[in-house]
Amino acid sequence: MAKAKPFIKWAGGKSQLIEQLEALLPSGFDKWSNVTYIEPFVGGGAMLFHMLQRHWNIKKAVINDINPDLTTCYKTVRDQPTELIHSLLAIQEDYYAVAGEEAKKEYYLRIRERFNEKPTDPIENTTLFFFLNRTCFNGLYRVNKAGKFNVPFGRYQRPLICDAETIYADSKLLQNVEILTGDFEQTIGHVSDGAFFYFDPPYRPLSNTSSFNDYAKEAFNDDSQIRLKLFCDRLQGLNVPFMLSNSDCLGKDGTDRFFDELFKDFDIQRVWACRSVNANGAKRGKLTEILVRNYSSGSYALGNRKPDQQLKIAL
């Protein structure tokens, strides 16, 4: 059986940072019992697939995203993998049969237009989503203020649109995953004994032209980042451990202390990452990102909780 992995390409995906994130989990994490893993901004799901395969004490997972097309994809992969594979194979065969770049571009634009009509059938919607993800420029997902997908054609001749092995592996792993659609704050209702949160929100842009957080028509601006910090404060009050990733504004120019001030009461680590999804090739490369935690390295400091203790939470 193939290893489960992200079934789509997603800007800011965490595949390259997995081992660094793993090393910064709470000490003794594998000794906790009945863990509920909660990811309020699931995106491509690299951390989700890693956690579910690496840590067998995770008995339940809850994922959320504000993008309904993305969460429909997760639900379809989980619940209807065979039907999805048949549909993907059909569109892949059609696309391969189209001769010439201009004809392929016209085909792409027709699919994009149909996708923006928001078909209600989950198989069709997910098939179009997969197709666009594999054939658009650099695998980006970007929408305009009207919520219309507007990424241009990517000029790929024979992209792999249907990866059946990955879809089946992901479907199996997603069986015990609850999939939510909406604002990240709704995940507070799923806090229970043994909960652990990982946040990978739309990153704060490092410049006016570097924003890739237009995954939904609702902007995730500085006010949203502050609201997310206040949500983290609520988790702190409930004695729930969390880890959060974001861009390193201070590392970019040495003067922007937005996150250092916002999360000054928490532990902030900096890790090296390589950004490969950028319209400007000159802006791809290595840079630092921040990891914020409400526990210290080597131990779970909140309330001196021991691995066999259960969290006592009153919502």
C-alpha atoms as a PDB file:
ATOM      1  CA  MET A   1       0.000   0.000   0.000  1.00  0.00           C
ATOM      2  CA  ALA A   2       1.315   3.423  -0.910  1.00  0.00           C
ATOM      3  CA  LYS A   3       2.166   5.845   1.854  1.00  0.00           C
ATOM      4  CA  ALA A   4      -0.466   8.484   2.532  1.00  0.00           C
ATOM      5  CA  LYS A   5       0.667  11.978   1.516  1.00  0.00           C
ATOM      6  CA  PRO A   6      -0.886  15.252   0.354  1.00  0.00           C
ATOM      7  CA  PHE A   7      -3.062  14.635  -2.701  1.00  0.00           C
ATOM      8  CA  ILE A   8      -2.719  18.246  -3.883  1.00  0.00           C
ATOM      9  CA  LYS A   9       0.036  20.820  -4.207  1.00  0.00           C
ATOM     10  CA  TRP A  10      -0.532  23.693  -1.794  1.00  0.00           C
ATOM     11  CA  ALA A  11       1.302  26.970  -1.225  1.00  0.00           C
ATOM     12  CA  GLY A  12       3.067  26.875   2.138  1.00  0.00           C
ATOM     13  CA  GLY A  13       2.870  23.081   2.394  1.00  0.00           C
ATOM     14  CA  LYS A  14       4.809  21.641   5.316  1.00  0.00           C
ATOM     15  CA  SER A  15       6.379  18.527   3.757  1.00  0.00           C
ATOM     16  CA  GLN A  16       9.884  20.014   3.940  1.00  0.00           C
ATOM     17  CA  LEU A  17       9.475  21.046   7.597  1.00  0.00           C
ATOM     18  CA  ILE A  18       7.979  17.832   8.949  1.00  0.00           C
ATOM     19  CA  GLU A  19      11.041  16.617  10.841  1.00  0.00           C
ATOM     20  CA  GLN A  20      11.589  20.037  12.423  1.00  0.00           C
ATOM     21  CA  LEU A  21       7.942  20.150  13.495  1.00  0.00           C
ATOM     22  CA  GLU A  22       8.170  16.583  14.802  1.00  0.00           C
ATOM     23  CA  ALA A  23      11.200  17.476  16.925  1.00  0.00           C
ATOM     24  CA  LEU A  24       9.286  20.338  18.544  1.00  0.00           C
ATOM     25  CA  LEU A  25       6.258  18.330  19.636  1.00  0.00           C
ATOM     26  CA  PRO A  26       5.747  18.083  23.409  1.00  0.00           C
ATOM     27  CA  SER A  27       8.192  15.744  25.105  1.00  0.00           C
ATOM     28  CA  GLY A  28       6.648  12.319  25.676  1.00  0.00           C
ATOM     29  CA  PHE A  29       3.887  12.981  23.154  1.00  0.00           C
ATOM     30  CA  ASP A  30       3.739   9.300  22.182  1.00  0.00           C
ATOM     31  CA  LYS A  31       2.973   8.395  25.799  1.00  0.00           C
ATOM     32  CA  TRP A  32      -0.181  10.473  25.897  1.00  0.00           C
ATOM     33  CA  SER A  33      -3.337   8.430  25.632  1.00  0.00           C
ATOM     34  CA  ASN A  34      -6.302   8.988  23.306  1.00  0.00           C
ATOM     35  CA  VAL A  35      -4.916  12.060  21.582  1.00  0.00           C
ATOM     36  CA  THR A  36      -7.238  14.255  19.507  1.00  0.00           C
ATOM     37  CA  TYR A  37      -5.237  16.019  16.817  1.00  0.00           C
ATOM     38  CA  ILE A  38      -6.852  19.269  15.635  1.00  0.00           C
ATOM     39  CA  GLU A  39      -5.720  21.286  12.612  1.00  0.00           C
ATOM     40  CA  PRO A  40      -7.879  24.396  12.003  1.00  0.00           C
ATOM     41  CA  PHE A  41      -6.132  25.363   8.706  1.00  0.00           C
ATOM     42  CA  VAL A  42      -5.539  22.020   7.029  1.00  0.00           C
ATOM     43  CA  GLY A  43      -4.393  23.198   3.596  1.00  0.00           C
ATOM     44  CA  GLY A  44      -2.534  20.422   1.794  1.00  0.00           C
ATOM     45  CA  GLY A  45      -2.461  18.267   4.913  1.00  0.00           C
ATOM     46  CA  ALA A  46       1.255  17.337   5.051  1.00  0.00           C
ATOM     47  CA  MET A  47       1.328  17.581   8.850  1.00  0.00           C
ATOM     48  CA  LEU A  48      -1.998  15.737   9.161  1.00  0.00           C
ATOM     49  CA  PHE A  49      -0.817  12.747   7.108  1.00  0.00           C
ATOM     50  CA  HIS A  50       2.486  12.678   8.979  1.00  0.00           C
ATOM     51  CA  MET A  51       0.894  12.787  12.433  1.00  0.00           C
ATOM     52  CA  LEU A  52      -1.670  10.085  11.690  1.00  0.00           C
ATOM     53  CA  GLN A  53       0.973   7.699  10.348  1.00  0.00           C
ATOM     54  CA  ARG A  54       3.691   8.455  12.917  1.00  0.00           C
ATOM     55  CA  HIS A  55       1.695   8.676  16.146  1.00  0.00           C
ATOM     56  CA  TRP A  56      -0.626   5.739  16.722  1.00  0.00           C
ATOM     57  CA  ASN A  57      -1.946   7.209  19.978  1.00  0.00           C
ATOM     58  CA  ILE A  58      -3.948   9.731  17.913  1.00  0.00           C
ATOM     59  CA  LYS A  59      -7.402   8.188  18.073  1.00  0.00           C
ATOM     60  CA  LYS A  60      -9.269  11.055  16.480  1.00  0.00           C
ATOM     61  CA  ALA A  61      -8.477  13.994  14.220  1.00  0.00           C
ATOM     62  CA  VAL A  62     -10.447  17.123  13.387  1.00  0.00           C
ATOM     63  CA  ILE A  63      -9.497  19.241  10.396  1.00  0.00           C
ATOM     64  CA  ASN A  64     -10.987  22.486   9.180  1.00  0.00           C
ATOM     65  CA  ASP A  65     -10.589  24.964   6.361  1.00  0.00           C
ATOM     66  CA  ILE A  66     -12.554  27.992   5.235  1.00  0.00           C
ATOM     67  CA  ASN A  67     -12.256  26.883   1.589  1.00  0.00           C
ATOM     68  CA  PRO A  68     -15.315  24.689   0.830  1.00  0.00           C
ATOM     69  CA  ASP A  69     -13.800  23.338  -2.396  1.00  0.00           C
ATOM     70  CA  LEU A  70     -10.809  22.067  -0.427  1.00  0.00           C
ATOM     71  CA  THR A  71     -12.871  20.445   2.317  1.00  0.00           C
ATOM     72  CA  THR A  72     -15.120  18.869  -0.323  1.00  0.00           C
ATOM     73  CA  CYS A  73     -11.942  17.327  -1.758  1.00  0.00           C
ATOM     74  CA  TYR A  74     -11.049  15.818   1.608  1.00  0.00           C
ATOM     75  CA  LYS A  75     -14.544  14.429   2.085  1.00  0.00           C
ATOM     76  CA  THR A  76     -14.641  12.978  -1.425  1.00  0.00           C
ATOM     77  CA  VAL A  77     -11.227  11.328  -1.063  1.00  0.00           C
ATOM     78  CA  ARG A  78     -12.354   9.891   2.280  1.00  0.00           C
ATOM     79  CA  ASP A  79     -15.817   8.715   1.288  1.00  0.00           C
ATOM     80  CA  GLN A  80     -15.786   8.063  -2.485  1.00  0.00           C
ATOM     81  CA  PRO A  81     -12.244   7.198  -3.587  1.00  0.00           C
ATOM     82  CA  THR A  82     -13.198   4.702  -6.301  1.00  0.00           C
ATOM     83  CA  GLU A  83     -15.757   6.989  -7.940  1.00  0.00           C
ATOM     84  CA  LEU A  84     -13.265   9.866  -7.798  1.00  0.00           C
ATOM     85  CA  ILE A  85     -10.504   7.784  -9.398  1.00  0.00           C
ATOM     86  CA  HIS A  86     -12.774   6.779 -12.290  1.00  0.00           C
ATOM     87  CA  SER A  87     -13.680  10.418 -12.895  1.00  0.00           C
ATOM     88  CA  LEU A  88     -10.054  11.572 -12.704  1.00  0.00           C
ATOM     89  CA  LEU A  89      -8.915   8.893 -15.135  1.00  0.00           C
ATOM     90  CA  ALA A  90     -11.552  10.065 -17.614  1.00  0.00           C
ATOM     91  CA  ILE A  91     -10.507  13.731 -17.499  1.00  0.00           C
ATOM     92  CA  GLN A  92      -6.834  12.754 -17.602  1.00  0.00           C
ATOM     93  CA  GLU A  93      -7.410  10.685 -20.751  1.00  0.00           C
ATOM     94  CA  ASP A  94      -9.315  13.561 -22.343  1.00  0.00           C
ATOM     95  CA  TYR A  95      -6.556  16.049 -21.564  1.00  0.00           C
ATOM     96  CA  TYR A  96      -3.770  13.809 -22.831  1.00  0.00           C
ATOM     97  CA  ALA A  97      -5.658  13.450 -26.132  1.00  0.00           C
ATOM     98  CA  VAL A  98      -5.686  17.207 -26.723  1.00  0.00           C
ATOM     99  CA  ALA A  99      -2.880  18.115 -29.132  1.00  0.00           C
ATOM    100  CA  GLY A 100      -0.963  21.370 -28.933  1.00  0.00           C
ATOM    101  CA  GLU A 101      -0.380  23.921 -26.189  1.00  0.00           C
ATOM    102  CA  GLU A 102      -3.050  26.380 -27.346  1.00  0.00           C
ATOM    103  CA  ALA A 103      -5.698  23.653 -27.484  1.00  0.00           C
ATOM    104  CA  LYS A 104      -4.679  22.469 -24.009  1.00  0.00           C
ATOM    105  CA  LYS A 105      -4.929  26.039 -22.740  1.00  0.00           C
ATOM    106  CA  GLU A 106      -8.448  26.352 -24.159  1.00  0.00           C
ATOM    107  CA  TYR A 107      -9.390  23.052 -22.487  1.00  0.00           C
ATOM    108  CA  TYR A 108      -7.951  24.342 -19.195  1.00  0.00           C
ATOM    109  CA  LEU A 109      -9.915  27.590 -19.403  1.00  0.00           C
ATOM    110  CA  ARG A 110     -13.161  25.690 -20.050  1.00  0.00           C
ATOM    111  CA  ILE A 111     -12.550  23.562 -16.978  1.00  0.00           C
ATOM    112  CA  ARG A 112     -11.730  26.651 -14.925  1.00  0.00           C
ATOM    113  CA  GLU A 113     -14.940  28.319 -16.041  1.00  0.00           C
ATOM    114  CA  ARG A 114     -16.969  25.237 -15.127  1.00  0.00           C
ATOM    115  CA  PHE A 115     -15.261  25.018 -11.722  1.00  0.00           C
ATOM    116  CA  ASN A 116     -16.167  28.647 -11.031  1.00  0.00           C
ATOM    117  CA  GLU A 117     -19.804  27.783 -11.644  1.00  0.00           C
ATOM    118  CA  LYS A 118     -19.526  25.756  -8.418  1.00  0.00           C
ATOM    119  CA  PRO A 119     -20.975  22.370  -9.418  1.00  0.00           C
ATOM    120  CA  THR A 120     -22.771  20.817  -6.460  1.00  0.00           C
ATOM    121  CA  ASP A 121     -21.889  17.205  -7.226  1.00  0.00           C
ATOM    122  CA  PRO A 122     -18.851  16.413  -5.024  1.00  0.00           C
ATOM    123  CA  ILE A 123     -17.289  14.047  -7.566  1.00  0.00           C
ATOM    124  CA  GLU A 124     -17.435  16.646 -10.341  1.00  0.00           C
ATOM    125  CA  ASN A 125     -16.280  19.486  -8.107  1.00  0.00           C
ATOM    126  CA  THR A 126     -13.354  17.464  -6.755  1.00  0.00           C
ATOM    127  CA  THR A 127     -12.392  16.207 -10.210  1.00  0.00           C
ATOM    128  CA  LEU A 128     -12.218  19.774 -11.502  1.00  0.00           C
ATOM    129  CA  PHE A 129     -10.277  20.838  -8.395  1.00  0.00           C
ATOM    130  CA  PHE A 130      -7.694  18.083  -8.946  1.00  0.00           C
ATOM    131  CA  PHE A 131      -7.425  18.897 -12.651  1.00  0.00           C
ATOM    132  CA  LEU A 132      -6.805  22.588 -12.034  1.00  0.00           C
ATOM    133  CA  ASN A 133      -4.312  21.851  -9.267  1.00  0.00           C
ATOM    134  CA  ARG A 134      -2.273  19.682 -11.654  1.00  0.00           C
ATOM    135  CA  THR A 135      -2.495  21.915 -14.721  1.00  0.00           C
ATOM    136  CA  CYS A 136      -2.552  25.507 -13.444  1.00  0.00           C
ATOM    137  CA  PHE A 137       0.557  27.644 -13.073  1.00  0.00           C
ATOM    138  CA  ASN A 138       2.827  26.255 -10.338  1.00  0.00           C
ATOM    139  CA  GLY A 139      -0.016  24.398  -8.610  1.00  0.00           C
ATOM    140  CA  LEU A 140      -1.307  27.581  -6.981  1.00  0.00           C
ATOM    141  CA  TYR A 141      -4.772  28.012  -5.522  1.00  0.00           C
ATOM    142  CA  ARG A 142      -5.806  31.656  -5.697  1.00  0.00           C
ATOM    143  CA  VAL A 143      -9.176  33.364  -5.945  1.00  0.00           C
ATOM    144  CA  ASN A 144     -10.263  36.924  -6.598  1.00  0.00           C
ATOM    145  CA  LYS A 145     -12.516  38.997  -4.354  1.00  0.00           C
ATOM    146  CA  ALA A 146     -15.558  37.391  -5.945  1.00  0.00           C
ATOM    147  CA  GLY A 147     -14.250  33.968  -4.927  1.00  0.00           C
ATOM    148  CA  LYS A 148     -13.431  32.936  -8.523  1.00  0.00           C
ATOM    149  CA  PHE A 149     -10.391  30.745  -9.167  1.00  0.00           C
ATOM    150  CA  ASN A 150      -8.140  32.815 -11.452  1.00  0.00           C
ATOM    151  CA  VAL A 151      -4.765  31.051 -11.749  1.00  0.00           C
ATOM    152  CA  PRO A 152      -3.485  30.920 -15.347  1.00  0.00           C
ATOM    153  CA  PHE A 153      -2.639  27.858 -17.429  1.00  0.00           C
ATOM    154  CA  GLY A 154       0.527  26.012 -16.437  1.00  0.00           C
ATOM    155  CA  ARG A 155       1.716  24.540 -19.776  1.00  0.00           C
ATOM    156  CA  TYR A 156       2.148  20.974 -18.484  1.00  0.00           C
ATOM    157  CA  GLN A 157       1.827  18.423 -21.286  1.00  0.00           C
ATOM    158  CA  ARG A 158       1.142  15.174 -19.393  1.00  0.00           C
ATOM    159  CA  PRO A 159       0.712  15.949 -15.679  1.00  0.00           C
ATOM    160  CA  LEU A 160      -0.348  13.116 -13.377  1.00  0.00           C
ATOM    161  CA  ILE A 161      -3.947  14.043 -12.663  1.00  0.00           C
ATOM    162  CA  CYS A 162      -4.991  10.695 -11.192  1.00  0.00           C
ATOM    163  CA  ASP A 163      -2.700   9.161  -8.558  1.00  0.00           C
ATOM    164  CA  ALA A 164      -4.920   6.247  -7.566  1.00  0.00           C
ATOM    165  CA  GLU A 165      -2.499   4.739  -5.030  1.00  0.00           C
ATOM    166  CA  THR A 166      -2.245   7.985  -3.080  1.00  0.00           C
ATOM    167  CA  ILE A 167      -6.005   8.530  -3.137  1.00  0.00           C
ATOM    168  CA  TYR A 168      -6.677   5.058  -1.734  1.00  0.00           C
ATOM    169  CA  ALA A 169      -3.964   5.431   0.917  1.00  0.00           C
ATOM    170  CA  ASP A 170      -5.291   8.854   1.934  1.00  0.00           C
ATOM    171  CA  SER A 171      -8.878   7.599   1.993  1.00  0.00           C
ATOM    172  CA  LYS A 172      -7.950   4.850   4.417  1.00  0.00           C
ATOM    173  CA  LEU A 173      -6.136   7.248   6.719  1.00  0.00           C
ATOM    174  CA  LEU A 174      -8.964   9.799   6.670  1.00  0.00           C
ATOM    175  CA  GLN A 175     -11.643   7.381   7.914  1.00  0.00           C
ATOM    176  CA  ASN A 176     -11.428   8.617  11.517  1.00  0.00           C
ATOM    177  CA  VAL A 177     -11.019  12.264  10.584  1.00  0.00           C
ATOM    178  CA  GLU A 178     -13.841  14.757  11.077  1.00  0.00           C
ATOM    179  CA  ILE A 179     -13.841  17.409   8.351  1.00  0.00           C
ATOM    180  CA  LEU A 180     -15.211  20.879   9.081  1.00  0.00           C
ATOM    181  CA  THR A 181     -15.740  23.859   6.794  1.00  0.00           C
ATOM    182  CA  GLY A 182     -15.626  27.384   8.137  1.00  0.00           C
ATOM    183  CA  ASP A 183     -13.819  29.740  10.476  1.00  0.00           C
ATOM    184  CA  PHE A 184     -10.977  28.320  12.565  1.00  0.00           C
ATOM    185  CA  GLU A 185     -12.633  29.324  15.848  1.00  0.00           C
ATOM    186  CA  GLN A 186     -15.289  26.624  15.497  1.00  0.00           C
ATOM    187  CA  THR A 187     -12.657  23.989  16.308  1.00  0.00           C
ATOM    188  CA  ILE A 188     -12.798  25.027  19.984  1.00  0.00           C
ATOM    189  CA  GLY A 189     -15.916  22.889  20.237  1.00  0.00           C
ATOM    190  CA  HIS A 190     -13.811  19.774  19.637  1.00  0.00           C
ATOM    191  CA  VAL A 191     -11.393  20.297  22.522  1.00  0.00           C
ATOM    192  CA  SER A 192     -11.260  17.275  24.803  1.00  0.00           C
ATOM    193  CA  ASP A 193      -8.854  15.442  27.080  1.00  0.00           C
ATOM    194  CA  GLY A 194      -5.635  14.853  25.178  1.00  0.00           C
ATOM    195  CA  ALA A 195      -6.193  17.514  22.504  1.00  0.00           C
ATOM    196  CA  PHE A 196      -3.262  18.946  20.552  1.00  0.00           C
ATOM    197  CA  PHE A 197      -3.562  21.802  18.033  1.00  0.00           C
ATOM    198  CA  TYR A 198      -1.347  22.586  15.064  1.00  0.00           C
ATOM    199  CA  PHE A 199      -2.007  25.904  13.299  1.00  0.00           C
ATOM    200  CA  ASP A 200      -0.763  26.630   9.788  1.00  0.00           C
ATOM    201  CA  PRO A 201      -2.751  29.773   8.904  1.00  0.00           C
ATOM    202  CA  PRO A 202      -2.376  31.867   5.759  1.00  0.00           C
ATOM    203  CA  TYR A 203       1.044  33.413   6.246  1.00  0.00           C
ATOM    204  CA  ARG A 204       1.475  37.110   6.863  1.00  0.00           C
ATOM    205  CA  PRO A 205       3.033  38.536   3.658  1.00  0.00           C
ATOM    206  CA  LEU A 206       6.696  39.501   3.874  1.00  0.00           C
ATOM    207  CA  SER A 207       6.100  42.233   1.283  1.00  0.00           C
ATOM    208  CA  ASN A 208       3.220  43.891  -0.538  1.00  0.00           C
ATOM    209  CA  THR A 209       3.714  41.565  -3.511  1.00  0.00           C
ATOM    210  CA  SER A 210       4.400  38.263  -1.746  1.00  0.00           C
ATOM    211  CA  SER A 211       0.904  37.405  -0.545  1.00  0.00           C
ATOM    212  CA  PHE A 212      -0.294  33.878  -1.249  1.00  0.00           C
ATOM    213  CA  ASN A 213      -3.084  33.873   1.326  1.00  0.00           C
ATOM    214  CA  ASP A 214      -5.943  34.417  -1.123  1.00  0.00           C
ATOM    215  CA  TYR A 215      -7.242  30.856  -0.678  1.00  0.00           C
ATOM    216  CA  ALA A 216     -10.712  32.265  -0.021  1.00  0.00           C
ATOM    217  CA  LYS A 217     -12.449  35.536  -0.765  1.00  0.00           C
ATOM    218  CA  GLU A 218     -12.273  36.382   2.954  1.00  0.00           C
ATOM    219  CA  ALA A 219      -8.888  38.052   3.561  1.00  0.00           C
ATOM    220  CA  PHE A 220      -6.690  36.800   6.409  1.00  0.00           C
ATOM    221  CA  ASN A 221      -5.167  40.130   7.424  1.00  0.00           C
ATOM    222  CA  ASP A 222      -3.412  41.408  10.557  1.00  0.00           C
ATOM    223  CA  ASP A 223      -6.724  41.611  12.403  1.00  0.00           C
ATOM    224  CA  SER A 224      -7.228  37.909  11.646  1.00  0.00           C
ATOM    225  CA  GLN A 225      -3.710  37.122  12.903  1.00  0.00           C
ATOM    226  CA  ILE A 226      -4.530  38.940  16.139  1.00  0.00           C
ATOM    227  CA  ARG A 227      -7.814  37.051  16.428  1.00  0.00           C
ATOM    228  CA  LEU A 228      -5.882  33.801  16.009  1.00  0.00           C
ATOM    229  CA  LYS A 229      -3.524  34.835  18.823  1.00  0.00           C
ATOM    230  CA  LEU A 230      -6.516  35.478  21.085  1.00  0.00           C
ATOM    231  CA  PHE A 231      -7.778  31.995  20.203  1.00  0.00           C
ATOM    232  CA  CYS A 232      -4.384  30.633  21.260  1.00  0.00           C
ATOM    233  CA  ASP A 233      -4.835  32.500  24.557  1.00  0.00           C
ATOM    234  CA  ARG A 234      -8.081  30.587  25.044  1.00  0.00           C
ATOM    235  CA  LEU A 235      -6.259  27.303  24.507  1.00  0.00           C
ATOM    236  CA  GLN A 236      -3.635  28.400  27.008  1.00  0.00           C
ATOM    237  CA  GLY A 237      -6.386  29.072  29.529  1.00  0.00           C
ATOM    238  CA  LEU A 238      -7.789  25.598  28.885  1.00  0.00           C
ATOM    239  CA  ASN A 239      -4.359  24.001  29.340  1.00  0.00           C
ATOM    240  CA  VAL A 240      -4.365  22.738  25.740  1.00  0.00           C
ATOM    241  CA  PRO A 241      -0.962  22.533  23.992  1.00  0.00           C
ATOM    242  CA  PHE A 242      -0.549  24.041  20.533  1.00  0.00           C
ATOM    243  CA  MET A 243       2.087  24.716  17.890  1.00  0.00           C
ATOM    244  CA  LEU A 244       1.725  27.437  15.243  1.00  0.00           C
ATOM    245  CA  SER A 245       3.665  28.219  12.065  1.00  0.00           C
ATOM    246  CA  ASN A 246       3.926  31.576  10.301  1.00  0.00           C
ATOM    247  CA  SER A 247       6.256  33.785   8.298  1.00  0.00           C
ATOM    248  CA  ASP A 248       9.220  35.409  10.043  1.00  0.00           C
ATOM    249  CA  CYS A 249       8.634  39.117   9.495  1.00  0.00           C
ATOM    250  CA  LEU A 250      11.531  40.077  11.761  1.00  0.00           C
ATOM    251  CA  GLY A 251      13.908  37.794   9.906  1.00  0.00           C
ATOM    252  CA  LYS A 252      12.995  39.527   6.644  1.00  0.00           C
ATOM    253  CA  ASP A 253      13.976  43.106   7.484  1.00  0.00           C
ATOM    254  CA  GLY A 254      15.021  43.166  11.144  1.00  0.00           C
ATOM    255  CA  THR A 255      12.441  45.793  12.136  1.00  0.00           C
ATOM    256  CA  ASP A 256       9.010  44.155  11.788  1.00  0.00           C
ATOM    257  CA  ARG A 257       8.310  42.750  15.265  1.00  0.00           C
ATOM    258  CA  PHE A 258       4.615  42.004  14.633  1.00  0.00           C
ATOM    259  CA  PHE A 259       4.767  38.324  15.633  1.00  0.00           C
ATOM    260  CA  ASP A 260       7.530  38.729  18.217  1.00  0.00           C
ATOM    261  CA  GLU A 261       5.336  41.209  20.073  1.00  0.00           C
ATOM    262  CA  LEU A 262       2.064  39.387  19.419  1.00  0.00           C
ATOM    263  CA  PHE A 263       3.343  36.057  20.769  1.00  0.00           C
ATOM    264  CA  LYS A 264       5.809  37.432  23.325  1.00  0.00           C
ATOM    265  CA  ASP A 265       4.207  35.373  26.118  1.00  0.00           C
ATOM    266  CA  PHE A 266       4.839  32.111  24.232  1.00  0.00           C
ATOM    267  CA  ASP A 267       7.882  30.185  23.067  1.00  0.00           C
ATOM    268  CA  ILE A 268       9.075  31.322  19.608  1.00  0.00           C
ATOM    269  CA  GLN A 269      11.481  29.213  17.575  1.00  0.00           C
ATOM    270  CA  ARG A 270      12.860  29.957  14.121  1.00  0.00           C
ATOM    271  CA  VAL A 271      13.354  27.253  11.513  1.00  0.00           C
ATOM    272  CA  TRP A 272      14.764  27.269   7.980  1.00  0.00           C
ATOM    273  CA  ALA A 273      12.321  26.643   5.159  1.00  0.00           C
ATOM    274  CA  CYS A 274      12.500  26.709   1.383  1.00  0.00           C
ATOM    275  CA  ARG A 275       9.627  28.424  -0.412  1.00  0.00           C
ATOM    276  CA  SER A 276       9.139  26.926  -3.847  1.00  0.00           C
ATOM    277  CA  VAL A 277       5.696  28.341  -4.703  1.00  0.00           C
ATOM    278  CA  ASN A 278       6.125  31.906  -5.907  1.00  0.00           C
ATOM    279  CA  ALA A 279       5.216  33.545  -9.183  1.00  0.00           C
ATOM    280  CA  ASN A 280       8.601  35.301  -9.124  1.00  0.00           C
ATOM    281  CA  GLY A 281      11.400  32.731  -9.321  1.00  0.00           C
ATOM    282  CA  ALA A 282      13.851  35.171  -7.761  1.00  0.00           C
ATOM    283  CA  LYS A 283      11.796  35.165  -4.559  1.00  0.00           C
ATOM    284  CA  ARG A 284      11.950  31.401  -4.099  1.00  0.00           C
ATOM    285  CA  GLY A 285      14.615  30.042  -1.775  1.00  0.00           C
ATOM    286  CA  LYS A 286      15.623  29.604   1.844  1.00  0.00           C
ATOM    287  CA  LEU A 287      14.324  31.802   4.620  1.00  0.00           C
ATOM    288  CA  THR A 288      13.226  31.475   8.222  1.00  0.00           C
ATOM    289  CA  GLU A 289       9.741  30.825   9.555  1.00  0.00           C
ATOM    290  CA  ILE A 290       8.530  31.024  13.118  1.00  0.00           C
ATOM    291  CA  LEU A 291       7.108  28.243  15.280  1.00  0.00           C
ATOM    292  CA  VAL A 292       5.111  29.371  18.294  1.00  0.00           C
ATOM    293  CA  ARG A 293       4.358  26.992  21.175  1.00  0.00           C
ATOM    294  CA  ASN A 294       2.748  27.285  24.587  1.00  0.00           C
ATOM    295  CA  TYR A 295       5.133  24.716  26.030  1.00  0.00           C
ATOM    296  CA  SER A 296       8.922  24.693  26.383  1.00  0.00           C
ATOM    297  CA  SER A 297      11.444  22.546  24.602  1.00  0.00           C
ATOM    298  CA  GLY A 298      11.902  19.149  26.212  1.00  0.00           C
ATOM    299  CA  SER A 299       8.806  19.265  28.386  1.00  0.00           C
ATOM    300  CA  TYR A 300       5.136  20.054  28.469  1.00  0.00           C
ATOM    301  CA  ALA A 301       5.246  22.943  30.884  1.00  0.00           C
ATOM    302  CA  LEU A 302       1.584  23.833  31.284  1.00  0.00           C
ATOM    303  CA  GLY A 303       0.579  22.777  34.764  1.00  0.00           C
ATOM    304  CA  ASN A 304       3.489  20.307  34.825  1.00  0.00           C
ATOM    305  CA  ARG A 305       1.253  17.801  33.118  1.00  0.00           C
ATOM    306  CA  LYS A 306       2.552  14.241  33.122  1.00  0.00           C
ATOM    307  CA  PRO A 307       1.999  11.951  30.124  1.00  0.00           C
ATOM    308  CA  ASP A 308      -0.630   9.876  31.884  1.00  0.00           C
ATOM    309  CA  GLN A 309      -2.627  12.840  33.138  1.00  0.00           C
ATOM    310  CA  GLN A 310      -5.815  13.868  31.399  1.00  0.00           C
ATOM    311  CA  LEU A 311      -6.641  17.466  30.621  1.00  0.00           C
ATOM    312  CA  LYS A 312      -9.513  18.810  32.683  1.00  0.00           C
ATOM    313  CA  ILE A 313     -11.395  21.187  30.461  1.00  0.00           C
ATOM    314  CA  ALA A 314     -14.510  23.200  31.183  1.00  0.00           C
ATOM    315  CA  LEU A 315     -15.764  24.975  28.077  1.00  0.00           C
END
